[in-house]
């Protein structure tokens, strides 16, 4: 059975003229809380780098897409990503009204698939 890591929180600070910074807290399969932070060229890059500092699963981001799944200012955004590890492609998908949260959860989804694949 796959052991999943879960994203407890992701906080990003960014804006015009600032350096995007993200902090994350991830819950390990055994319930331990692990946190870290990172800077990036944008908010999604910063959150992915912070997650990478905790998860330590080297990979290459192949594609990243955000789309609206509903209408209006409070629309839900769906993030879809593809990452490559050892010549295999893993996908992740999640949605949230906060597109950065959707992107972070989609990335965690893909990383959990990588970890499940390496455990089997």
N, C-alpha and C. Protein backbone atom coordinates (compact mmCIF):
# COMPACT_ATOMS: atom_id res chain seq x y z
N UNK A 1 0.84 -1.19 0.00
CA UNK A 1 0.00 0.00 0.00
C UNK A 1 0.88 1.25 0.00
N UNK A 2 0.52 2.21 -0.81
CA UNK A 2 1.31 3.44 -0.95
C UNK A 2 1.21 4.28 0.32
N UNK A 3 2.34 4.83 0.69
CA UNK A 3 2.40 5.73 1.83
C UNK A 3 2.39 7.16 1.28
N UNK A 4 1.40 7.93 1.64
CA UNK A 4 1.28 9.27 1.07
C UNK A 4 1.74 10.36 2.02
N UNK A 5 2.40 11.34 1.44
CA UNK A 5 2.72 12.58 2.12
C UNK A 5 1.58 13.55 1.81
N UNK A 6 1.23 14.41 2.75
CA UNK A 6 0.16 15.37 2.47
C UNK A 6 0.62 16.79 2.77
N UNK A 7 0.13 17.69 1.96
CA UNK A 7 0.44 19.11 2.13
C UNK A 7 -0.50 19.67 3.19
N UNK A 8 0.07 20.10 4.30
CA UNK A 8 -0.73 20.67 5.39
C UNK A 8 -1.01 22.14 5.13
N UNK A 9 0.03 22.84 4.64
CA UNK A 9 -0.16 24.25 4.28
C UNK A 9 0.93 24.73 3.36
N UNK A 10 0.57 25.72 2.57
CA UNK A 10 1.52 26.40 1.69
C UNK A 10 1.18 27.88 1.75
N UNK A 11 2.17 28.68 2.09
CA UNK A 11 1.98 30.12 2.19
C UNK A 11 2.97 30.79 1.25
N UNK A 12 2.47 31.65 0.38
CA UNK A 12 3.33 32.31 -0.60
C UNK A 12 3.18 33.82 -0.45
N UNK A 13 4.32 34.50 -0.48
CA UNK A 13 4.34 35.96 -0.48
C UNK A 13 4.96 36.39 -1.80
N UNK A 14 4.21 37.20 -2.54
CA UNK A 14 4.71 37.68 -3.82
C UNK A 14 4.00 38.98 -4.19
N UNK A 15 4.52 39.62 -5.18
CA UNK A 15 3.91 40.85 -5.66
C UNK A 15 4.86 41.56 -6.60
N UNK A 16 4.38 42.54 -7.29
CA UNK A 16 5.18 43.30 -8.23
C UNK A 16 6.39 43.88 -7.53
N UNK A 17 7.57 43.57 -8.04
CA UNK A 17 8.80 44.11 -7.47
C UNK A 17 9.36 43.33 -6.29
N UNK A 18 8.71 42.23 -5.91
CA UNK A 18 9.22 41.45 -4.79
C UNK A 18 9.71 40.08 -5.28
N UNK A 19 10.46 39.41 -4.43
CA UNK A 19 10.91 38.05 -4.73
C UNK A 19 9.90 37.09 -4.12
N UNK A 20 9.28 36.24 -4.95
CA UNK A 20 8.32 35.27 -4.41
C UNK A 20 8.99 34.31 -3.44
N UNK A 21 8.36 34.14 -2.28
CA UNK A 21 8.85 33.24 -1.23
C UNK A 21 7.68 32.36 -0.80
N UNK A 22 7.96 31.06 -0.66
CA UNK A 22 6.92 30.12 -0.22
C UNK A 22 7.43 29.34 0.98
N UNK A 23 6.53 29.09 1.91
CA UNK A 23 6.82 28.16 3.00
C UNK A 23 5.75 27.07 2.95
N UNK A 24 6.19 25.84 3.24
CA UNK A 24 5.27 24.71 3.21
C UNK A 24 5.44 23.88 4.47
N UNK A 25 4.37 23.21 4.84
CA UNK A 25 4.43 22.20 5.90
C UNK A 25 3.79 20.94 5.34
N UNK A 26 4.54 19.86 5.41
CA UNK A 26 4.11 18.58 4.85
C UNK A 26 4.04 17.56 5.98
N UNK A 27 3.00 16.74 5.95
CA UNK A 27 2.82 15.67 6.92
C UNK A 27 3.32 14.37 6.29
N UNK A 28 4.27 13.72 6.95
CA UNK A 28 4.82 12.46 6.44
C UNK A 28 3.84 11.32 6.70
N UNK A 29 4.04 10.18 6.05
CA UNK A 29 3.13 9.05 6.27
C UNK A 29 3.03 8.61 7.73
N UNK A 30 4.09 8.85 8.51
CA UNK A 30 4.04 8.48 9.93
C UNK A 30 3.56 9.62 10.83
N UNK A 31 3.05 10.70 10.23
CA UNK A 31 2.45 11.79 10.99
C UNK A 31 3.38 12.91 11.40
N UNK A 32 4.64 12.83 11.02
CA UNK A 32 5.60 13.88 11.36
C UNK A 32 5.38 15.11 10.50
N UNK A 33 5.49 16.30 11.10
CA UNK A 33 5.38 17.56 10.36
C UNK A 33 6.77 18.03 9.97
N UNK A 34 6.95 18.33 8.68
CA UNK A 34 8.23 18.83 8.18
C UNK A 34 7.94 20.12 7.41
N UNK A 35 8.73 21.15 7.70
CA UNK A 35 8.49 22.45 7.06
C UNK A 35 9.79 22.98 6.46
N UNK A 36 9.64 23.80 5.42
CA UNK A 36 10.77 24.47 4.81
C UNK A 36 10.25 25.63 3.97
N UNK A 37 11.17 26.41 3.44
CA UNK A 37 10.80 27.58 2.62
C UNK A 37 11.80 27.73 1.49
N UNK A 38 11.39 28.45 0.45
CA UNK A 38 12.26 28.69 -0.70
C UNK A 38 11.81 29.92 -1.46
N UNK A 39 12.74 30.49 -2.23
CA UNK A 39 12.45 31.60 -3.13
C UNK A 39 12.32 31.03 -4.54
N UNK A 40 11.57 31.74 -5.39
CA UNK A 40 11.42 31.31 -6.77
C UNK A 40 11.27 32.48 -7.70
N UNK A 41 11.17 32.19 -9.00
CA UNK A 41 10.98 33.27 -9.98
C UNK A 41 9.51 33.67 -10.07
N UNK A 42 8.64 32.88 -9.50
CA UNK A 42 7.21 33.16 -9.42
C UNK A 42 6.64 32.38 -8.25
N UNK A 43 5.37 32.59 -7.92
CA UNK A 43 4.80 31.91 -6.76
C UNK A 43 4.74 30.39 -6.88
N UNK A 44 4.44 29.87 -8.05
CA UNK A 44 4.39 28.42 -8.22
C UNK A 44 5.80 27.84 -8.14
N UNK A 45 6.76 28.48 -8.76
CA UNK A 45 8.15 28.04 -8.68
C UNK A 45 8.61 28.01 -7.22
N UNK A 46 8.28 29.03 -6.46
CA UNK A 46 8.69 29.10 -5.05
C UNK A 46 8.07 27.96 -4.24
N UNK A 47 6.79 27.70 -4.44
CA UNK A 47 6.15 26.62 -3.67
C UNK A 47 6.70 25.26 -4.09
N UNK A 48 6.96 25.05 -5.37
CA UNK A 48 7.54 23.77 -5.81
C UNK A 48 8.93 23.58 -5.24
N UNK A 49 9.73 24.65 -5.20
CA UNK A 49 11.07 24.55 -4.63
C UNK A 49 11.01 24.25 -3.13
N UNK A 50 10.06 24.85 -2.43
CA UNK A 50 9.90 24.58 -0.99
C UNK A 50 9.49 23.12 -0.77
N UNK A 51 8.57 22.63 -1.59
CA UNK A 51 8.16 21.22 -1.50
C UNK A 51 9.35 20.32 -1.79
N UNK A 52 10.14 20.65 -2.81
CA UNK A 52 11.32 19.85 -3.16
C UNK A 52 12.31 19.78 -2.00
N UNK A 53 12.45 20.86 -1.25
CA UNK A 53 13.39 20.86 -0.12
C UNK A 53 12.95 19.87 0.95
N UNK A 54 11.65 19.66 1.09
CA UNK A 54 11.14 18.70 2.07
C UNK A 54 11.14 17.29 1.51
N UNK A 55 10.63 17.13 0.31
CA UNK A 55 10.39 15.80 -0.26
C UNK A 55 11.67 15.12 -0.77
N UNK A 56 12.62 15.89 -1.27
CA UNK A 56 13.88 15.34 -1.78
C UNK A 56 13.67 14.24 -2.83
N UNK A 57 12.81 14.55 -3.81
CA UNK A 57 12.55 13.64 -4.93
C UNK A 57 12.92 14.39 -6.21
N UNK A 58 14.19 14.30 -6.64
CA UNK A 58 14.61 15.02 -7.84
C UNK A 58 13.76 14.62 -9.05
N UNK A 59 13.36 15.61 -9.84
CA UNK A 59 12.53 15.37 -11.02
C UNK A 59 12.62 16.57 -11.93
N UNK A 60 12.04 16.41 -13.11
CA UNK A 60 11.98 17.50 -14.07
C UNK A 60 10.53 17.82 -14.36
N UNK A 61 10.15 19.08 -14.19
CA UNK A 61 8.79 19.51 -14.50
C UNK A 61 8.67 19.60 -16.02
N UNK A 62 7.73 18.84 -16.58
CA UNK A 62 7.54 18.81 -18.04
C UNK A 62 6.45 19.78 -18.47
N UNK A 63 5.32 19.76 -17.75
CA UNK A 63 4.23 20.67 -18.11
C UNK A 63 3.45 21.08 -16.87
N UNK A 64 2.87 22.27 -16.97
CA UNK A 64 2.07 22.83 -15.88
C UNK A 64 0.93 23.62 -16.52
N UNK A 65 -0.30 23.28 -16.14
CA UNK A 65 -1.47 23.95 -16.70
C UNK A 65 -2.46 24.28 -15.58
N UNK A 66 -3.01 25.49 -15.64
CA UNK A 66 -4.09 25.88 -14.73
C UNK A 66 -5.27 26.26 -15.60
N UNK A 67 -6.46 25.75 -15.25
CA UNK A 67 -7.66 26.15 -15.97
C UNK A 67 -8.81 26.31 -14.98
N UNK A 68 -9.75 27.12 -15.35
CA UNK A 68 -10.93 27.34 -14.52
C UNK A 68 -11.93 26.21 -14.76
N UNK A 69 -12.50 25.71 -13.67
CA UNK A 69 -13.51 24.66 -13.80
C UNK A 69 -14.91 25.18 -13.47
N UNK A 70 -15.01 26.48 -13.19
CA UNK A 70 -16.31 27.10 -12.95
C UNK A 70 -16.23 28.56 -13.40
N UNK A 71 -17.33 29.27 -13.24
CA UNK A 71 -17.43 30.65 -13.74
C UNK A 71 -17.47 31.63 -12.57
N UNK A 72 -16.90 32.80 -12.77
CA UNK A 72 -17.00 33.87 -11.80
C UNK A 72 -15.72 34.12 -11.04
N UNK A 73 -15.75 35.16 -10.20
CA UNK A 73 -14.57 35.56 -9.45
C UNK A 73 -14.15 34.51 -8.43
N UNK A 74 -15.08 33.68 -7.98
CA UNK A 74 -14.76 32.63 -7.01
C UNK A 74 -14.63 31.27 -7.69
N UNK A 75 -14.22 31.28 -8.94
CA UNK A 75 -14.10 30.05 -9.71
C UNK A 75 -13.02 29.14 -9.12
N UNK A 76 -13.23 27.86 -9.31
CA UNK A 76 -12.25 26.86 -8.90
C UNK A 76 -11.23 26.69 -10.01
N UNK A 77 -9.96 26.67 -9.64
CA UNK A 77 -8.90 26.44 -10.60
C UNK A 77 -8.40 25.01 -10.49
N UNK A 78 -8.17 24.38 -11.63
CA UNK A 78 -7.64 23.03 -11.64
C UNK A 78 -6.22 23.06 -12.18
N UNK A 79 -5.30 22.49 -11.43
CA UNK A 79 -3.90 22.43 -11.84
C UNK A 79 -3.58 21.01 -12.30
N UNK A 80 -2.91 20.92 -13.43
CA UNK A 80 -2.45 19.64 -13.96
C UNK A 80 -0.96 19.77 -14.24
N UNK A 81 -0.18 18.80 -13.77
CA UNK A 81 1.25 18.83 -14.02
C UNK A 81 1.74 17.47 -14.50
N UNK A 82 2.88 17.51 -15.13
CA UNK A 82 3.60 16.30 -15.50
C UNK A 82 5.04 16.49 -15.07
N UNK A 83 5.58 15.50 -14.37
CA UNK A 83 6.98 15.52 -14.00
C UNK A 83 7.64 14.25 -14.53
N UNK A 84 8.94 14.33 -14.73
CA UNK A 84 9.68 13.18 -15.24
C UNK A 84 10.74 12.78 -14.23
N UNK A 85 10.79 11.48 -13.95
CA UNK A 85 11.79 10.91 -13.04
C UNK A 85 12.22 9.57 -13.61
N UNK A 86 13.51 9.40 -13.83
CA UNK A 86 14.05 8.14 -14.38
C UNK A 86 13.35 7.74 -15.68
N UNK A 87 13.20 8.70 -16.58
CA UNK A 87 12.58 8.48 -17.90
C UNK A 87 11.12 8.03 -17.85
N UNK A 88 10.46 8.22 -16.72
CA UNK A 88 9.03 7.91 -16.62
C UNK A 88 8.29 9.20 -16.27
N UNK A 89 7.11 9.38 -16.87
CA UNK A 89 6.31 10.58 -16.64
C UNK A 89 5.21 10.28 -15.62
N UNK A 90 5.07 11.18 -14.66
CA UNK A 90 4.05 11.08 -13.62
C UNK A 90 3.17 12.32 -13.69
N UNK A 91 1.88 12.13 -13.55
CA UNK A 91 0.95 13.25 -13.62
C UNK A 91 0.35 13.52 -12.24
N UNK A 92 -0.03 14.76 -12.05
CA UNK A 92 -0.71 15.17 -10.83
C UNK A 92 -1.79 16.16 -11.19
N UNK A 93 -2.90 16.09 -10.47
CA UNK A 93 -4.03 16.98 -10.74
C UNK A 93 -4.74 17.26 -9.42
N UNK A 94 -5.15 18.51 -9.24
CA UNK A 94 -5.96 18.87 -8.07
C UNK A 94 -6.61 20.21 -8.35
N UNK A 95 -7.59 20.56 -7.54
CA UNK A 95 -8.29 21.83 -7.75
C UNK A 95 -8.52 22.52 -6.41
N UNK A 96 -8.69 23.83 -6.51
CA UNK A 96 -8.91 24.65 -5.32
C UNK A 96 -9.33 26.03 -5.81
N UNK A 97 -9.97 26.81 -4.95
CA UNK A 97 -10.28 28.19 -5.32
C UNK A 97 -9.00 29.03 -5.32
N UNK A 98 -7.97 28.57 -4.64
CA UNK A 98 -6.65 29.21 -4.63
C UNK A 98 -5.78 28.44 -5.63
N UNK A 99 -5.39 29.09 -6.72
CA UNK A 99 -4.65 28.37 -7.76
C UNK A 99 -3.25 27.93 -7.31
N UNK A 100 -2.65 28.65 -6.37
CA UNK A 100 -1.35 28.23 -5.85
C UNK A 100 -1.53 26.95 -5.03
N UNK A 101 -2.59 26.88 -4.24
CA UNK A 101 -2.88 25.66 -3.48
C UNK A 101 -3.16 24.50 -4.43
N UNK A 102 -3.91 24.75 -5.50
CA UNK A 102 -4.18 23.70 -6.49
C UNK A 102 -2.89 23.20 -7.11
N UNK A 103 -1.98 24.13 -7.44
CA UNK A 103 -0.70 23.75 -8.03
C UNK A 103 0.14 22.95 -7.05
N UNK A 104 0.17 23.35 -5.80
CA UNK A 104 0.95 22.64 -4.78
C UNK A 104 0.40 21.24 -4.56
N UNK A 105 -0.91 21.11 -4.46
CA UNK A 105 -1.52 19.79 -4.23
C UNK A 105 -1.34 18.88 -5.45
N UNK A 106 -1.39 19.44 -6.65
CA UNK A 106 -1.16 18.64 -7.86
C UNK A 106 0.27 18.12 -7.88
N UNK A 107 1.21 18.96 -7.47
CA UNK A 107 2.61 18.54 -7.42
C UNK A 107 2.81 17.43 -6.38
N UNK A 108 2.19 17.58 -5.22
CA UNK A 108 2.27 16.54 -4.19
C UNK A 108 1.68 15.23 -4.72
N UNK A 109 0.60 15.33 -5.46
CA UNK A 109 -0.04 14.14 -6.04
C UNK A 109 0.94 13.40 -6.93
N UNK A 110 1.64 14.12 -7.79
CA UNK A 110 2.61 13.50 -8.69
C UNK A 110 3.80 12.92 -7.91
N UNK A 111 4.28 13.65 -6.92
CA UNK A 111 5.41 13.15 -6.12
C UNK A 111 5.05 11.89 -5.37
N UNK A 112 3.83 11.82 -4.86
CA UNK A 112 3.39 10.59 -4.17
C UNK A 112 3.36 9.41 -5.14
N UNK A 113 3.02 9.67 -6.40
CA UNK A 113 3.04 8.59 -7.40
C UNK A 113 4.47 8.12 -7.66
N UNK A 114 5.41 9.05 -7.70
CA UNK A 114 6.82 8.68 -7.88
C UNK A 114 7.26 7.79 -6.71
N UNK A 115 6.94 8.22 -5.50
CA UNK A 115 7.35 7.47 -4.31
C UNK A 115 6.69 6.09 -4.26
N UNK A 116 5.43 6.00 -4.65
CA UNK A 116 4.73 4.71 -4.68
C UNK A 116 5.37 3.79 -5.69
N UNK A 117 5.80 4.36 -6.82
CA UNK A 117 6.42 3.56 -7.87
C UNK A 117 7.79 3.03 -7.42
N UNK A 118 8.52 3.83 -6.66
CA UNK A 118 9.84 3.40 -6.21
C UNK A 118 9.74 2.39 -5.06
N UNK A 119 8.62 2.38 -4.34
CA UNK A 119 8.41 1.42 -3.25
C UNK A 119 8.00 0.05 -3.77
N UNK A 120 7.42 0.01 -4.97
CA UNK A 120 6.92 -1.28 -5.48
C UNK A 120 7.98 -2.09 -6.18
